[in-house]
N, C-alpha and C. Protein backbone atom coordinates (compact mmCIF):
# COMPACT_ATOMS: atom_id res chain seq x y z
N MET A 1 0.76 -1.06 0.15
CA MET A 1 -0.25 -0.04 -0.16
C MET A 1 0.99 1.13 -0.03
N LEU A 2 0.73 2.32 -0.90
CA LEU A 2 1.43 3.75 -0.77
C LEU A 2 0.95 4.39 0.56
N GLN A 3 2.07 4.94 1.09
CA GLN A 3 1.93 5.78 2.11
C GLN A 3 1.99 7.20 1.62
N LYS A 4 0.89 8.00 2.29
CA LYS A 4 0.76 9.35 2.01
C LYS A 4 1.80 10.10 2.22
N GLN A 5 2.40 10.84 1.69
CA GLN A 5 3.77 11.66 2.16
C GLN A 5 3.06 13.03 2.89
N GLU A 6 3.78 13.27 4.10
CA GLU A 6 3.35 14.39 4.73
C GLU A 6 4.10 15.50 4.02
N PRO A 7 3.53 16.85 4.29
CA PRO A 7 4.23 17.78 3.79
C PRO A 7 5.58 18.28 4.41
N GLY A 8 6.43 18.33 3.40
CA GLY A 8 7.73 18.69 3.82
C GLY A 8 8.66 17.41 3.52
N ASP A 9 8.00 16.15 3.41
CA ASP A 9 8.90 15.07 3.30
C ASP A 9 9.68 15.00 2.06
N PHE A 10 9.09 15.37 0.93
CA PHE A 10 9.67 15.52 -0.36
C PHE A 10 10.97 16.64 0.01
N ASP A 11 10.84 17.71 0.55
CA ASP A 11 11.96 18.55 0.89
C ASP A 11 12.87 17.95 1.90
N ARG A 12 12.57 17.12 2.52
CA ARG A 12 13.82 16.62 3.70
C ARG A 12 14.55 15.57 2.55
N GLU A 13 14.03 14.59 1.88
CA GLU A 13 14.48 13.70 1.06
C GLU A 13 15.38 14.57 -0.05
N LEU A 14 15.05 15.59 -0.52
CA LEU A 14 15.92 16.45 -1.53
C LEU A 14 17.02 17.01 -0.77
N ALA A 15 16.84 17.20 0.66
CA ALA A 15 18.02 17.86 1.53
C ALA A 15 18.87 16.65 1.67
N GLU A 16 18.38 15.43 2.05
CA GLU A 16 19.26 14.46 2.35
C GLU A 16 20.06 13.89 1.00
N VAL A 17 19.59 13.95 -0.20
CA VAL A 17 20.09 13.65 -1.38
C VAL A 17 21.28 14.59 -1.47
N ASP A 18 20.96 15.96 -1.48
CA ASP A 18 22.04 16.71 -1.69
C ASP A 18 23.11 16.65 -0.73
N ARG A 19 22.78 15.90 0.49
CA ARG A 19 23.91 15.96 1.64
C ARG A 19 24.81 14.70 0.80
N HIS A 20 24.24 13.64 0.37
CA HIS A 20 24.98 12.50 0.14
C HIS A 20 25.71 13.05 -1.20
N LEU A 21 25.20 13.62 -2.19
CA LEU A 21 25.74 14.11 -3.48
C LEU A 21 27.03 15.05 -3.12
N ARG A 22 27.24 15.54 -1.97
CA ARG A 22 28.43 16.45 -1.59
C ARG A 22 29.67 15.47 -1.63
N HIS A 23 29.44 14.22 -1.68
CA HIS A 23 30.42 13.07 -1.49
C HIS A 23 31.17 13.03 -3.08
N VAL A 24 30.57 13.44 -4.03
CA VAL A 24 30.89 13.37 -5.35
C VAL A 24 32.40 13.64 -5.62
N ILE A 25 32.71 14.98 -5.34
CA ILE A 25 33.92 15.73 -5.61
C ILE A 25 34.95 15.03 -4.87
N PRO A 26 34.86 15.03 -3.68
CA PRO A 26 35.96 14.24 -2.96
C PRO A 26 36.25 12.74 -3.40
N TYR A 27 35.35 12.23 -3.92
CA TYR A 27 35.43 10.85 -4.50
C TYR A 27 36.07 10.84 -5.89
N LEU A 28 35.79 11.92 -6.63
CA LEU A 28 36.41 11.93 -7.85
C LEU A 28 37.83 12.44 -7.67
N TRP A 29 38.25 13.46 -6.56
CA TRP A 29 39.62 13.67 -6.27
C TRP A 29 40.24 12.39 -5.87
N LYS A 30 39.72 11.59 -5.22
CA LYS A 30 40.54 10.41 -4.89
C LYS A 30 40.84 9.26 -6.06
N LEU A 31 39.88 9.42 -6.97
CA LEU A 31 39.98 8.54 -8.26
C LEU A 31 41.11 9.15 -8.95
N GLN A 32 41.11 10.52 -9.25
CA GLN A 32 42.16 10.94 -9.94
C GLN A 32 43.49 11.00 -9.12
N ALA A 33 43.78 10.80 -7.81
CA ALA A 33 44.92 10.63 -7.29
C ALA A 33 45.30 9.22 -7.53
N ASP A 34 44.47 8.36 -7.52
CA ASP A 34 45.33 6.88 -7.76
C ASP A 34 45.73 6.68 -9.07
N PRO A 35 46.91 6.36 -9.30
CA PRO A 35 47.63 6.03 -10.59
C PRO A 35 46.95 5.33 -11.44
N GLU A 36 46.34 4.25 -10.94
CA GLU A 36 44.97 3.62 -11.71
C GLU A 36 43.82 4.20 -11.92
N GLY A 37 43.57 5.42 -11.35
CA GLY A 37 42.24 6.06 -11.53
C GLY A 37 42.23 6.83 -12.72
N PHE A 38 41.39 7.90 -12.67
CA PHE A 38 40.84 8.55 -13.95
C PHE A 38 41.65 9.91 -13.85
N ASP A 39 41.65 10.44 -15.22
CA ASP A 39 42.27 11.70 -15.25
C ASP A 39 41.05 12.61 -16.04
N PHE A 40 40.66 13.49 -14.94
CA PHE A 40 39.73 14.39 -15.54
C PHE A 40 40.05 15.58 -16.09
N GLU A 41 41.41 15.66 -16.52
CA GLU A 41 42.04 16.85 -17.31
C GLU A 41 41.39 18.21 -16.89
N GLY A 42 41.35 18.27 -15.73
CA GLY A 42 41.03 19.81 -14.76
C GLY A 42 39.73 19.98 -14.97
N GLU A 43 38.94 19.10 -15.42
CA GLU A 43 37.39 19.21 -15.14
C GLU A 43 36.53 18.45 -14.38
N ILE A 44 37.10 18.52 -13.22
CA ILE A 44 36.59 17.77 -12.00
C ILE A 44 35.11 18.15 -11.75
N ASP A 45 35.08 19.80 -11.74
CA ASP A 45 33.73 20.43 -11.29
C ASP A 45 32.68 19.85 -12.32
N THR A 46 33.09 20.03 -13.40
CA THR A 46 32.15 19.82 -14.75
C THR A 46 31.57 18.31 -14.58
N TYR A 47 32.64 17.47 -14.46
CA TYR A 47 32.14 15.98 -14.51
C TYR A 47 31.28 15.77 -13.10
N ALA A 48 31.74 16.39 -11.98
CA ALA A 48 30.74 16.14 -10.88
C ALA A 48 29.51 16.47 -11.06
N GLN A 49 29.24 17.90 -11.83
CA GLN A 49 27.99 18.54 -12.07
C GLN A 49 27.19 17.42 -12.88
N ARG A 50 27.66 16.70 -13.76
CA ARG A 50 27.07 15.63 -14.71
C ARG A 50 26.63 14.58 -13.84
N ILE A 51 27.75 14.07 -13.32
CA ILE A 51 27.60 12.97 -12.38
C ILE A 51 26.28 13.16 -11.40
N ARG A 52 26.29 14.32 -10.77
CA ARG A 52 25.31 14.55 -9.56
C ARG A 52 24.07 14.58 -10.32
N GLN A 53 23.88 15.06 -11.31
CA GLN A 53 22.44 15.31 -12.09
C GLN A 53 22.15 13.70 -12.50
N ALA A 54 23.18 12.97 -13.21
CA ALA A 54 22.60 11.74 -13.60
C ALA A 54 22.39 10.63 -12.58
N ILE A 55 23.03 10.95 -11.18
CA ILE A 55 22.77 9.79 -10.04
C ILE A 55 21.61 10.22 -9.31
N ARG A 56 21.28 11.58 -9.37
CA ARG A 56 20.36 11.99 -8.33
C ARG A 56 18.87 11.22 -8.25
N PRO A 57 18.32 10.92 -9.25
CA PRO A 57 17.00 10.23 -9.35
C PRO A 57 17.18 8.73 -8.61
N GLU A 58 18.25 8.37 -9.01
CA GLU A 58 18.46 6.93 -8.41
C GLU A 58 18.49 6.86 -7.01
N LEU A 59 19.37 7.73 -6.51
CA LEU A 59 19.97 7.80 -5.36
C LEU A 59 18.44 8.30 -4.21
N LEU A 60 17.67 8.91 -5.04
CA LEU A 60 16.59 9.70 -4.19
C LEU A 60 15.61 8.68 -3.89
N GLY A 61 15.69 7.68 -5.11
CA GLY A 61 14.66 6.21 -4.66
C GLY A 61 15.18 5.43 -3.79
N GLU A 62 16.47 5.63 -3.33
CA GLU A 62 16.96 4.74 -2.29
C GLU A 62 16.86 5.21 -1.11
N LEU A 63 16.29 6.40 -0.78
CA LEU A 63 16.44 6.88 0.61
C LEU A 63 15.38 6.17 1.53
N PRO A 64 15.76 6.14 2.89
CA PRO A 64 16.57 6.88 3.55
C PRO A 64 17.88 5.96 3.57
N LEU A 65 18.98 6.82 3.51
CA LEU A 65 20.37 6.13 3.88
C LEU A 65 21.08 6.87 4.84
N ASP A 66 21.93 6.39 5.70
CA ASP A 66 22.67 7.15 6.74
C ASP A 66 23.89 7.56 6.03
N ASP A 67 24.83 8.32 6.73
CA ASP A 67 25.75 8.89 6.13
C ASP A 67 26.86 7.93 5.45
N ALA A 68 27.13 6.82 6.04
CA ALA A 68 28.08 5.99 5.83
C ALA A 68 27.41 5.00 4.29
N ALA A 69 26.10 4.74 4.70
CA ALA A 69 25.64 3.92 3.30
C ALA A 69 25.17 5.12 2.18
N GLY A 70 24.96 6.19 2.52
CA GLY A 70 24.97 7.27 1.53
C GLY A 70 26.12 7.39 0.69
N HIS A 71 27.42 7.66 1.46
CA HIS A 71 28.76 7.59 0.60
C HIS A 71 29.06 6.35 -0.16
N LYS A 72 28.69 5.31 0.39
CA LYS A 72 29.13 4.10 -0.19
C LYS A 72 28.36 3.88 -1.49
N ARG A 73 26.70 4.09 -1.57
CA ARG A 73 26.13 4.19 -2.75
C ARG A 73 26.46 5.19 -3.64
N VAL A 74 26.88 6.47 -3.10
CA VAL A 74 27.23 7.27 -4.12
C VAL A 74 28.46 6.98 -4.87
N GLU A 75 29.43 6.14 -4.14
CA GLU A 75 30.59 5.95 -4.81
C GLU A 75 30.39 4.65 -5.85
N GLU A 76 29.20 3.94 -5.45
CA GLU A 76 29.01 2.82 -6.59
C GLU A 76 28.20 3.30 -7.87
N LEU A 77 27.58 4.39 -7.43
CA LEU A 77 26.77 5.09 -8.72
C LEU A 77 27.72 5.85 -9.35
N VAL A 78 28.95 6.80 -8.96
CA VAL A 78 30.20 7.12 -9.51
C VAL A 78 30.66 6.25 -10.59
N ASP A 79 30.99 5.01 -9.82
CA ASP A 79 31.75 4.00 -10.62
C ASP A 79 31.04 3.60 -11.88
N GLU A 80 29.55 3.28 -11.66
CA GLU A 80 28.75 2.89 -12.58
C GLU A 80 28.72 3.78 -13.97
N TRP A 81 28.33 5.12 -13.22
CA TRP A 81 28.52 6.22 -14.23
C TRP A 81 29.85 6.29 -15.19
N LEU A 82 31.07 6.20 -14.44
CA LEU A 82 32.22 6.22 -15.32
C LEU A 82 32.41 5.07 -16.23
N GLU A 83 31.78 3.94 -15.68
CA GLU A 83 32.17 3.02 -16.63
C GLU A 83 31.25 3.09 -17.92
N ARG A 84 29.85 3.54 -17.68
CA ARG A 84 29.12 3.72 -19.11
C ARG A 84 29.68 4.88 -19.73
N GLU A 85 30.29 5.78 -19.15
CA GLU A 85 31.01 6.87 -20.15
C GLU A 85 32.12 6.67 -20.72
N THR A 86 32.80 5.57 -20.22
CA THR A 86 34.10 5.00 -20.46
C THR A 86 35.21 6.20 -20.48
N LEU A 87 35.29 6.72 -19.35
CA LEU A 87 36.21 7.87 -19.22
C LEU A 87 37.94 7.27 -18.87
N ARG A 88 37.84 5.83 -18.80
CA ARG A 88 39.13 5.22 -18.36
C ARG A 88 40.18 5.46 -19.45
């Protein structure tokens, strides 16, 4: 059975997703620092914006997530996105 959302629930969910998505840039820096990682050619901010936009709907559908689970899931979604976009 579908549950009726309370007023403000969607705003809270969006805030939670945005909190988790803040982990995208640090994760991209980590990947770039790895010798076997990615070279974003000075465009980490551009890639981060594209990735956040692409993974936001999926992450939104997986809420609620605590901070550790949210960071882990963001990393998984970033890895999946990078594989699809073949940046390696």
